[in-house]
Protein backbone atom coordinates (compact mmCIF):
# COMPACT_ATOMS: atom_id res chain seq x y z
CA MET A 1 -14.38 -26.88 1.71
CA LYS A 2 -12.97 -27.03 5.25
CA LEU A 3 -9.33 -28.03 5.09
CA PHE A 4 -8.00 -26.49 8.28
CA GLY A 5 -10.87 -26.11 10.74
CA ARG A 6 -12.10 -23.05 12.56
CA GLU A 7 -9.95 -23.64 15.67
CA LYS A 8 -6.74 -23.48 13.62
CA ILE A 9 -7.83 -20.44 11.64
CA GLN A 10 -8.81 -18.62 14.84
CA LYS A 11 -5.23 -19.09 16.14
CA LEU A 12 -4.04 -16.89 13.27
CA SER A 13 -4.70 -13.49 14.83
CA ILE A 14 -3.36 -11.73 11.75
CA PHE A 15 -6.54 -12.85 9.96
CA ASN A 16 -8.98 -11.77 12.71
CA GLY A 17 -12.20 -10.41 11.23
CA ILE A 18 -11.60 -11.98 7.82
CA ASP A 19 -14.15 -14.58 6.74
CA ASP A 20 -12.96 -18.17 7.39
CA SER A 21 -13.60 -19.12 3.75
CA VAL A 22 -11.22 -16.38 2.58
CA VAL A 23 -8.52 -17.56 5.00
CA GLU A 24 -9.12 -21.17 3.87
CA GLU A 25 -8.53 -20.09 0.26
CA ILE A 26 -5.34 -18.24 1.16
CA LEU A 27 -3.98 -21.26 3.06
CA ALA A 28 -5.04 -23.80 0.43
CA ASN A 29 -3.31 -21.85 -2.36
CA ALA A 30 -0.12 -21.13 -0.44
CA ALA A 31 3.18 -22.92 -1.05
CA ARG A 32 4.73 -25.19 1.58
CA GLU A 33 8.38 -25.38 2.55
CA THR A 34 10.05 -27.94 4.79
CA PHE A 35 13.09 -27.23 6.95
CA PRO A 36 15.14 -29.87 8.77
CA SER A 37 15.86 -29.50 12.45
CA TRP A 38 18.33 -26.68 13.24
CA GLU A 39 18.11 -25.05 9.82
CA THR A 40 17.89 -21.25 9.85
CA ILE A 41 14.67 -20.15 8.16
CA MET A 42 15.39 -16.43 8.35
CA GLN A 43 18.21 -14.33 9.72
CA GLN A 44 17.81 -11.07 11.64
CA GLY A 45 18.68 -8.17 9.33
CA ASP A 46 17.99 -10.08 6.10
CA PHE A 47 15.96 -8.55 3.28
CA PRO A 48 12.32 -9.43 4.04
CA ASN A 49 11.29 -10.98 0.65
CA SER A 50 7.61 -10.06 1.34
CA THR A 51 6.73 -13.39 2.94
CA GLY A 52 5.28 -14.57 6.21
CA TYR A 53 5.12 -18.13 7.48
CA ILE A 54 2.58 -20.24 9.36
CA ILE A 55 3.92 -23.36 11.07
CA GLU A 56 1.94 -26.34 9.81
CA THR A 57 4.04 -28.94 11.64
CA GLY A 58 7.13 -28.67 13.82
CA SER A 59 8.54 -25.86 15.92
CA VAL A 60 10.98 -22.94 15.72
CA ASP A 61 12.98 -20.71 18.05
CA VAL A 62 12.78 -16.96 17.49
CA SER A 63 15.90 -15.03 18.54
CA ILE A 64 16.74 -11.35 18.63
CA ASP A 65 20.40 -10.40 19.03
CA ASP A 66 21.29 -14.07 19.74
CA SER A 67 18.80 -14.30 22.63
CA ILE A 68 15.87 -16.73 22.29
CA LYS A 69 12.64 -14.78 22.72
CA ALA A 70 10.02 -17.40 21.83
CA ASN A 71 9.40 -20.98 20.78
CA LEU A 72 6.62 -21.23 18.23
CA THR A 73 4.69 -24.37 17.31
CA GLU A 74 1.89 -25.48 15.00
CA TRP A 75 -0.35 -22.68 13.72
CA ASP A 76 1.85 -19.92 15.06
CA ILE A 77 2.88 -17.28 12.53
CA PHE A 78 6.21 -15.52 12.05
CA GLY A 79 7.67 -13.09 9.53
CA GLU A 80 4.26 -11.50 9.01
CA ILE A 81 5.58 -7.94 9.27
CA ALA A 82 7.21 -8.50 5.86
CA LEU A 83 3.74 -8.88 4.32
CA LEU A 84 3.11 -5.19 4.95
CA ASN A 85 6.48 -3.48 4.74
CA GLU A 86 10.00 -3.88 3.43
CA GLU A 87 11.92 -3.51 6.70
CA PRO A 88 14.79 -5.94 7.37
CA ARG A 89 13.90 -9.09 9.30
CA SER A 90 13.65 -8.27 13.01
CA ALA A 91 14.53 -11.76 14.28
CA THR A 92 16.34 -14.97 13.46
CA VAL A 93 14.12 -18.06 13.20
CA VAL A 94 15.58 -21.57 13.46
CA ALA A 95 13.68 -24.86 13.13
CA THR A 96 13.98 -26.86 16.36
CA SER A 97 12.44 -29.95 14.76
CA ASP A 98 11.61 -30.94 11.20
CA THR A 99 9.23 -28.11 10.31
CA THR A 100 6.79 -27.51 7.47
CA VAL A 101 5.54 -23.98 6.95
CA ILE A 102 2.79 -22.46 4.87
CA VAL A 103 4.35 -19.61 2.91
CA ILE A 104 2.15 -16.51 2.69
CA SER A 105 3.43 -14.06 0.10
CA GLN A 106 2.49 -10.44 -0.33
CA ASP A 107 2.05 -11.05 -4.07
CA MET A 108 -0.43 -13.86 -3.41
CA LEU A 109 -2.49 -11.68 -1.06
CA PHE A 110 -2.52 -8.75 -3.49
CA GLU A 111 -3.51 -11.02 -6.38
CA MET A 112 -6.44 -12.39 -4.38
CA ILE A 113 -7.56 -8.89 -3.43
CA ASN A 114 -7.22 -7.49 -6.96
CA ASN A 115 -8.90 -10.44 -8.71
CA ASP A 116 -11.88 -10.83 -6.40
CA ASP A 117 -14.92 -8.58 -6.23
CA ASN A 118 -15.90 -9.84 -2.78
CA SER A 119 -15.73 -6.81 -0.48
CA ILE A 120 -14.35 -8.86 2.43
CA ASN A 121 -11.22 -9.56 0.38
CA LYS A 122 -10.69 -5.84 -0.08
CA GLU A 123 -10.48 -5.63 3.72
CA ILE A 124 -7.65 -8.16 4.10
CA MET A 125 -4.73 -5.74 4.07
CA ARG A 126 -6.48 -3.17 6.25
CA ARG A 127 -7.42 -5.79 8.86
CA MET A 128 -4.00 -7.43 8.77
CA GLU A 129 -2.37 -4.06 9.36
CA GLU A 130 -4.71 -3.35 12.30
CA ASN A 131 -4.06 -6.80 13.77
CA LEU A 132 -0.28 -6.37 13.50
CA GLU A 133 -0.41 -2.97 15.17
CA ALA A 134 -2.42 -4.46 18.05
CA GLU A 135 0.19 -7.18 18.78
């Protein structure tokens, strides 16, 4: 089942080296949240809540210390550091248009890893950690 297409999955560098079918399953089983324009999605310094977000539609501004550092659009990811550690959020993210995100939770990833005998799934956390360190 190809819901998202290889070109979109390849944009998600955090999943580099993980089989497309595994990433498809993660994305298909993830929750969605919608934020209206100018709503704050996360605040710098907040508790991380073990979630990362992939923009499905819309766009967001990423600010550090009240200075805009990036504008992210469809298939960009933010908040992914919280999937691997419990440090406070390092940036504030505000929707700049009506935005729908795919919510990737640490619990969901761990459940997939623990309930699947496929060896590639056992590599997810190791590869994600390597990919984050490389960015």
